[in-house]
Amino acid sequence: MKIEISEIKINEGRREASLSGIDELARSILEIGLLNPITIDLDHALIAGLHRLEAAKRLGWTEIECTICGLEGLQAELAEIDENVVRTALSKIEYGELLERRKEIYESLHPETKAGLAQAAGMNRSIGKHVTDKMSPTSKSFAQDTAGKLGVSVRTVERTMQTMKGLTAETREVFRQFPDYKLSQSNAAKLSRLEPKKQKTAAILL
């Protein structure tokens, strides 16, 4: 259904859309139309489709086709993260931090997938005790679910999470201050293995 653009709310803290990406998308929408509606919740808060919404504004539209979704709270944030990761050009730090937040949300929604609980469930099954089977709405780990949603390998997700775990807040901040620097996965992994006191210095030298 179509909703007045003026009624659509954008939550604070969303990553700003790339202006160059919006221009290109606006041209595409002008030529072939809006193929995929944006997604909003019951309160008309945007869940997915920031670039499409901004492109519509650029074209002077006053209303836009929307899919209204009943997702709330953490589920809506999870959908928003997936949208940003797939459709937005992110730095290695931004990408990693979105995955970190995705892990927090996913394991909050599916606590049975946490490493410790999943391991315990596996041990129970190995001895014939299926105590968690009826309680578990999903059997996918965070890495498996994320890999499937983002179209990458499970190993890629695991490697990114391991790298982010080793990077200090000070090191991450260095790269935020130099957004044009393209940190490679290889260099990020090397930094993450350094002692915290040496990380920031090495990051500045990069």
C-alpha atoms as a PDB file:
ATOM      1  CA  MET A   1       0.000   0.000   0.000  1.00  0.00           C
ATOM      2  CA  LYS A   2       1.088   3.599  -0.521  1.00  0.00           C
ATOM      3  CA  ILE A   3       1.947   5.796   2.471  1.00  0.00           C
ATOM      4  CA  GLU A   4       2.591   9.528   2.583  1.00  0.00           C
ATOM      5  CA  ILE A   5       6.361  10.017   2.798  1.00  0.00           C
ATOM      6  CA  SER A   6       5.810  12.755   5.389  1.00  0.00           C
ATOM      7  CA  GLU A   7       4.295  10.114   7.704  1.00  0.00           C
ATOM      8  CA  ILE A   8       7.326   7.805   7.599  1.00  0.00           C
ATOM      9  CA  LYS A   9       9.617   8.096  10.614  1.00  0.00           C
ATOM     10  CA  ILE A  10      13.354   7.398  10.551  1.00  0.00           C
ATOM     11  CA  ASN A  11      14.768   6.321  13.896  1.00  0.00           C
ATOM     12  CA  GLU A  12      17.765   8.175  15.283  1.00  0.00           C
ATOM     13  CA  GLY A  13      21.109   6.436  14.964  1.00  0.00           C
ATOM     14  CA  ARG A  14      20.551   5.023  11.481  1.00  0.00           C
ATOM     15  CA  ARG A  15      23.600   5.212   9.235  1.00  0.00           C
ATOM     16  CA  GLU A  16      23.243   8.030   6.710  1.00  0.00           C
ATOM     17  CA  ALA A  17      22.614   6.927   3.143  1.00  0.00           C
ATOM     18  CA  SER A  18      25.306   7.405   0.512  1.00  0.00           C
ATOM     19  CA  LEU A  19      24.374  10.408  -1.641  1.00  0.00           C
ATOM     20  CA  SER A  20      26.044   8.949  -4.715  1.00  0.00           C
ATOM     21  CA  GLY A  21      24.165   5.713  -4.217  1.00  0.00           C
ATOM     22  CA  ILE A  22      20.880   7.604  -3.921  1.00  0.00           C
ATOM     23  CA  ASP A  23      21.454   9.475  -7.169  1.00  0.00           C
ATOM     24  CA  GLU A  24      22.069   6.237  -9.044  1.00  0.00           C
ATOM     25  CA  LEU A  25      19.063   4.550  -7.445  1.00  0.00           C
ATOM     26  CA  ALA A  26      16.824   7.538  -8.212  1.00  0.00           C
ATOM     27  CA  ARG A  27      17.767   7.318 -11.885  1.00  0.00           C
ATOM     28  CA  SER A  28      16.961   3.597 -11.883  1.00  0.00           C
ATOM     29  CA  ILE A  29      13.589   4.112 -10.183  1.00  0.00           C
ATOM     30  CA  LEU A  30      12.750   6.867 -12.647  1.00  0.00           C
ATOM     31  CA  GLU A  31      13.432   4.497 -15.553  1.00  0.00           C
ATOM     32  CA  ILE A  32      11.867   1.251 -14.319  1.00  0.00           C
ATOM     33  CA  GLY A  33       9.861   2.186 -11.238  1.00  0.00           C
ATOM     34  CA  LEU A  34      10.147   1.044  -7.614  1.00  0.00           C
ATOM     35  CA  LEU A  35      10.479  -2.733  -7.860  1.00  0.00           C
ATOM     36  CA  ASN A  36      10.705  -3.413  -4.118  1.00  0.00           C
ATOM     37  CA  PRO A  37       8.526  -1.517  -1.604  1.00  0.00           C
ATOM     38  CA  ILE A  38      10.170  -0.150   1.511  1.00  0.00           C
ATOM     39  CA  THR A  39       9.321  -1.827   4.837  1.00  0.00           C
ATOM     40  CA  ILE A  40       7.808   0.034   7.789  1.00  0.00           C
ATOM     41  CA  ASP A  41       6.347  -1.053  11.104  1.00  0.00           C
ATOM     42  CA  LEU A  42       2.834  -0.492  12.399  1.00  0.00           C
ATOM     43  CA  ASP A  43       3.836   2.991  13.624  1.00  0.00           C
ATOM     44  CA  HIS A  44       5.208   3.880  10.172  1.00  0.00           C
ATOM     45  CA  ALA A  45       8.839   3.749  11.410  1.00  0.00           C
ATOM     46  CA  LEU A  46      11.259   2.659   8.683  1.00  0.00           C
ATOM     47  CA  ILE A  47      12.637  -0.865   9.012  1.00  0.00           C
ATOM     48  CA  ALA A  48      14.234  -1.368   5.596  1.00  0.00           C
ATOM     49  CA  GLY A  49      14.615   0.786   2.488  1.00  0.00           C
ATOM     50  CA  LEU A  50      16.384   3.989   3.549  1.00  0.00           C
ATOM     51  CA  HIS A  51      18.059   4.391   0.149  1.00  0.00           C
ATOM     52  CA  ARG A  52      14.799   3.811  -1.719  1.00  0.00           C
ATOM     53  CA  LEU A  53      13.011   6.316   0.508  1.00  0.00           C
ATOM     54  CA  GLU A  54      15.690   8.978  -0.005  1.00  0.00           C
ATOM     55  CA  ALA A  55      15.640   8.331  -3.768  1.00  0.00           C
ATOM     56  CA  ALA A  56      11.871   8.835  -3.787  1.00  0.00           C
ATOM     57  CA  LYS A  57      12.305  12.129  -1.964  1.00  0.00           C
ATOM     58  CA  ARG A  58      14.945  13.130  -4.514  1.00  0.00           C
ATOM     59  CA  LEU A  59      12.415  12.444  -7.278  1.00  0.00           C
ATOM     60  CA  GLY A  60       9.858  14.658  -5.569  1.00  0.00           C
ATOM     61  CA  TRP A  61       7.461  11.847  -4.645  1.00  0.00           C
ATOM     62  CA  THR A  62       4.933  12.578  -1.893  1.00  0.00           C
ATOM     63  CA  GLU A  63       4.018   8.926  -1.263  1.00  0.00           C
ATOM     64  CA  ILE A  64       5.730   5.567  -1.662  1.00  0.00           C
ATOM     65  CA  GLU A  65       4.738   1.922  -1.834  1.00  0.00           C
ATOM     66  CA  CYS A  66       5.258   0.239   1.557  1.00  0.00           C
ATOM     67  CA  THR A  67       5.102  -3.180   3.129  1.00  0.00           C
ATOM     68  CA  ILE A  68       3.823  -2.894   6.686  1.00  0.00           C
ATOM     69  CA  CYS A  69       5.529  -5.403   8.941  1.00  0.00           C
ATOM     70  CA  GLY A  70       4.527  -6.467  12.425  1.00  0.00           C
ATOM     71  CA  LEU A  71       8.126  -6.827  13.554  1.00  0.00           C
ATOM     72  CA  GLU A  72       8.850  -4.957  16.746  1.00  0.00           C
ATOM     73  CA  GLY A  73      11.791  -4.102  18.916  1.00  0.00           C
ATOM     74  CA  LEU A  74      14.802  -6.356  18.452  1.00  0.00           C
ATOM     75  CA  GLN A  75      13.346  -8.135  15.425  1.00  0.00           C
ATOM     76  CA  ALA A  76      12.881  -4.824  13.634  1.00  0.00           C
ATOM     77  CA  GLU A  77      16.444  -3.789  14.479  1.00  0.00           C
ATOM     78  CA  LEU A  78      17.722  -7.128  13.183  1.00  0.00           C
ATOM     79  CA  ALA A  79      15.924  -6.572   9.878  1.00  0.00           C
ATOM     80  CA  GLU A  80      17.342  -3.057   9.690  1.00  0.00           C
ATOM     81  CA  ILE A  81      20.899  -4.304  10.264  1.00  0.00           C
ATOM     82  CA  ASP A  82      20.542  -6.903   7.506  1.00  0.00           C
ATOM     83  CA  GLU A  83      19.294  -4.198   5.145  1.00  0.00           C
ATOM     84  CA  ASN A  84      22.242  -1.912   5.926  1.00  0.00           C
ATOM     85  CA  VAL A  85      24.871  -4.640   5.622  1.00  0.00           C
ATOM     86  CA  VAL A  86      23.561  -5.886   2.275  1.00  0.00           C
ATOM     87  CA  ARG A  87      22.797  -2.574   0.598  1.00  0.00           C
ATOM     88  CA  THR A  88      25.291  -0.088   2.053  1.00  0.00           C
ATOM     89  CA  ALA A  89      29.024   0.295   1.417  1.00  0.00           C
ATOM     90  CA  LEU A  90      30.574  -0.170   4.856  1.00  0.00           C
ATOM     91  CA  SER A  91      34.097   0.084   6.177  1.00  0.00           C
ATOM     92  CA  LYS A  92      35.574  -3.009   7.836  1.00  0.00           C
ATOM     93  CA  ILE A  93      34.948  -1.473  11.268  1.00  0.00           C
ATOM     94  CA  GLU A  94      31.351  -0.481  10.476  1.00  0.00           C
ATOM     95  CA  TYR A  95      30.659  -3.921   9.007  1.00  0.00           C
ATOM     96  CA  GLY A  96      32.181  -5.687  11.998  1.00  0.00           C
ATOM     97  CA  GLU A  97      30.309  -3.570  14.530  1.00  0.00           C
ATOM     98  CA  LEU A  98      26.998  -4.190  12.791  1.00  0.00           C
ATOM     99  CA  LEU A  99      27.687  -7.925  12.979  1.00  0.00           C
ATOM    100  CA  GLU A 100      28.543  -7.580  16.657  1.00  0.00           C
ATOM    101  CA  ARG A 101      25.190  -5.905  17.283  1.00  0.00           C
ATOM    102  CA  ARG A 102      23.460  -8.519  15.119  1.00  0.00           C
ATOM    103  CA  LYS A 103      24.974 -11.264  17.290  1.00  0.00           C
ATOM    104  CA  GLU A 104      23.703  -9.591  20.465  1.00  0.00           C
ATOM    105  CA  ILE A 105      20.194  -9.339  19.056  1.00  0.00           C
ATOM    106  CA  TYR A 106      20.114 -12.797  17.474  1.00  0.00           C
ATOM    107  CA  GLU A 107      21.271 -14.552  20.629  1.00  0.00           C
ATOM    108  CA  SER A 108      18.851 -12.487  22.696  1.00  0.00           C
ATOM    109  CA  LEU A 109      15.986 -13.625  20.457  1.00  0.00           C
ATOM    110  CA  HIS A 110      17.347 -17.194  20.253  1.00  0.00           C
ATOM    111  CA  PRO A 111      19.240 -17.823  23.524  1.00  0.00           C
ATOM    112  CA  GLU A 112      19.415 -21.556  22.777  1.00  0.00           C
ATOM    113  CA  THR A 113      21.937 -20.799  20.006  1.00  0.00           C
ATOM    114  CA  LYS A 114      24.546 -19.294  22.338  1.00  0.00           C
ATOM    115  CA  ALA A 115      27.787 -21.247  22.260  1.00  0.00           C
ATOM    116  CA  GLY A 116      27.539 -22.629  25.788  1.00  0.00           C
ATOM    117  CA  LEU A 117      23.897 -23.620  25.555  1.00  0.00           C
ATOM    118  CA  ALA A 118      24.274 -25.072  22.074  1.00  0.00           C
ATOM    119  CA  GLN A 119      27.217 -27.167  23.244  1.00  0.00           C
ATOM    120  CA  ALA A 120      25.258 -28.385  26.250  1.00  0.00           C
ATOM    121  CA  ALA A 121      22.314 -29.318  24.021  1.00  0.00           C
ATOM    122  CA  GLY A 122      24.654 -31.254  21.767  1.00  0.00           C
ATOM    123  CA  MET A 123      26.086 -33.172  24.702  1.00  0.00           C
ATOM    124  CA  ASN A 124      22.583 -33.995  25.927  1.00  0.00           C
ATOM    125  CA  ARG A 125      21.594 -35.287  22.513  1.00  0.00           C
ATOM    126  CA  SER A 126      24.708 -37.450  22.366  1.00  0.00           C
ATOM    127  CA  ILE A 127      23.575 -39.287  25.482  1.00  0.00           C
ATOM    128  CA  GLY A 128      19.944 -39.478  24.439  1.00  0.00           C
ATOM    129  CA  LYS A 129      18.562 -36.485  26.331  1.00  0.00           C
ATOM    130  CA  HIS A 130      16.656 -34.094  24.050  1.00  0.00           C
ATOM    131  CA  VAL A 131      15.691 -31.616  26.729  1.00  0.00           C
ATOM    132  CA  THR A 132      15.919 -28.547  24.507  1.00  0.00           C
ATOM    133  CA  ASP A 133      14.350 -29.855  21.309  1.00  0.00           C
ATOM    134  CA  LYS A 134      10.853 -28.556  22.031  1.00  0.00           C
ATOM    135  CA  MET A 135      12.162 -25.265  23.358  1.00  0.00           C
ATOM    136  CA  SER A 136      14.296 -24.340  20.375  1.00  0.00           C
ATOM    137  CA  PRO A 137      12.585 -22.273  17.633  1.00  0.00           C
ATOM    138  CA  THR A 138      15.770 -22.437  15.550  1.00  0.00           C
ATOM    139  CA  SER A 139      18.801 -24.687  15.299  1.00  0.00           C
ATOM    140  CA  LYS A 140      20.925 -22.196  13.388  1.00  0.00           C
ATOM    141  CA  SER A 141      23.880 -20.598  15.109  1.00  0.00           C
ATOM    142  CA  PHE A 142      24.459 -16.861  14.743  1.00  0.00           C
ATOM    143  CA  ALA A 143      27.184 -17.499  12.157  1.00  0.00           C
ATOM    144  CA  GLN A 144      24.984 -19.856  10.115  1.00  0.00           C
ATOM    145  CA  ASP A 145      21.998 -17.505  10.132  1.00  0.00           C
ATOM    146  CA  THR A 146      24.125 -14.460   9.300  1.00  0.00           C
ATOM    147  CA  ALA A 147      25.943 -16.235   6.476  1.00  0.00           C
ATOM    148  CA  GLY A 148      22.631 -17.250   4.934  1.00  0.00           C
ATOM    149  CA  LYS A 149      21.105 -13.775   5.236  1.00  0.00           C
ATOM    150  CA  LEU A 150      24.158 -11.927   3.888  1.00  0.00           C
ATOM    151  CA  GLY A 151      25.205 -14.424   1.220  1.00  0.00           C
ATOM    152  CA  VAL A 152      28.672 -15.104   2.642  1.00  0.00           C
ATOM    153  CA  SER A 153      30.330 -18.183   4.096  1.00  0.00           C
ATOM    154  CA  VAL A 154      30.040 -19.178   7.746  1.00  0.00           C
ATOM    155  CA  ARG A 155      33.831 -18.986   7.954  1.00  0.00           C
ATOM    156  CA  THR A 156      33.757 -15.354   6.752  1.00  0.00           C
ATOM    157  CA  VAL A 157      31.346 -14.434   9.541  1.00  0.00           C
ATOM    158  CA  GLU A 158      33.398 -16.298  12.144  1.00  0.00           C
ATOM    159  CA  ARG A 159      36.623 -14.666  10.947  1.00  0.00           C
ATOM    160  CA  THR A 160      35.076 -11.194  11.108  1.00  0.00           C
ATOM    161  CA  MET A 161      33.786 -11.768  14.633  1.00  0.00           C
ATOM    162  CA  GLN A 162      37.153 -13.105  15.787  1.00  0.00           C
ATOM    163  CA  THR A 163      38.906 -10.039  14.343  1.00  0.00           C
ATOM    164  CA  MET A 164      36.465  -7.600  15.963  1.00  0.00           C
ATOM    165  CA  LYS A 165      36.855  -9.344  19.315  1.00  0.00           C
ATOM    166  CA  GLY A 166      40.565  -8.548  19.258  1.00  0.00           C
ATOM    167  CA  LEU A 167      40.317  -4.901  18.154  1.00  0.00           C
ATOM    168  CA  THR A 168      40.336  -2.389  21.007  1.00  0.00           C
ATOM    169  CA  ALA A 169      37.986   0.595  21.190  1.00  0.00           C
ATOM    170  CA  GLU A 170      40.980   2.937  20.715  1.00  0.00           C
ATOM    171  CA  THR A 171      42.038   1.119  17.541  1.00  0.00           C
ATOM    172  CA  ARG A 172      38.543   1.258  16.108  1.00  0.00           C
ATOM    173  CA  GLU A 173      38.364   4.979  16.810  1.00  0.00           C
ATOM    174  CA  VAL A 174      41.549   5.584  14.809  1.00  0.00           C
ATOM    175  CA  PHE A 175      39.888   4.253  11.666  1.00  0.00           C
ATOM    176  CA  ARG A 176      36.693   6.189  12.346  1.00  0.00           C
ATOM    177  CA  GLN A 177      38.796   9.361  12.257  1.00  0.00           C
ATOM    178  CA  PHE A 178      40.118   8.405   8.813  1.00  0.00           C
ATOM    179  CA  PRO A 179      36.981   7.184   6.962  1.00  0.00           C
ATOM    180  CA  ASP A 180      38.680   7.315   3.546  1.00  0.00           C
ATOM    181  CA  TYR A 181      41.296   4.735   4.554  1.00  0.00           C
ATOM    182  CA  LYS A 182      40.356   1.279   3.278  1.00  0.00           C
ATOM    183  CA  LEU A 183      41.314  -1.159   6.014  1.00  0.00           C
ATOM    184  CA  SER A 184      41.804  -4.623   4.510  1.00  0.00           C
ATOM    185  CA  GLN A 185      40.600  -7.789   6.221  1.00  0.00           C
ATOM    186  CA  SER A 186      44.191  -8.989   6.350  1.00  0.00           C
ATOM    187  CA  ASN A 187      45.467  -5.874   8.145  1.00  0.00           C
ATOM    188  CA  ALA A 188      42.461  -5.855  10.475  1.00  0.00           C
ATOM    189  CA  ALA A 189      43.224  -9.459  11.461  1.00  0.00           C
ATOM    190  CA  LYS A 190      46.900  -8.671  12.034  1.00  0.00           C
ATOM    191  CA  LEU A 191      46.002  -5.686  14.231  1.00  0.00           C
ATOM    192  CA  SER A 192      43.585  -7.772  16.272  1.00  0.00           C
ATOM    193  CA  ARG A 193      46.396 -10.149  17.209  1.00  0.00           C
ATOM    194  CA  LEU A 194      48.651  -7.398  18.553  1.00  0.00           C
ATOM    195  CA  GLU A 195      48.880  -6.463  22.215  1.00  0.00           C
ATOM    196  CA  PRO A 196      46.398  -3.673  23.067  1.00  0.00           C
ATOM    197  CA  LYS A 197      49.206  -1.210  23.820  1.00  0.00           C
ATOM    198  CA  LYS A 198      50.692  -1.723  20.350  1.00  0.00           C
ATOM    199  CA  GLN A 199      47.441  -1.768  18.379  1.00  0.00           C
ATOM    200  CA  LYS A 200      46.696   1.941  18.378  1.00  0.00           C
ATOM    201  CA  THR A 201      50.240   2.841  17.298  1.00  0.00           C
ATOM    202  CA  ALA A 202      50.141   0.293  14.480  1.00  0.00           C
ATOM    203  CA  ALA A 203      46.727   1.572  13.396  1.00  0.00           C
ATOM    204  CA  ILE A 204      47.995   5.164  13.220  1.00  0.00           C
ATOM    205  CA  LEU A 205      51.003   4.042  11.163  1.00  0.00           C
ATOM    206  CA  LEU A 206      48.628   2.323   8.702  1.00  0.00           C
END
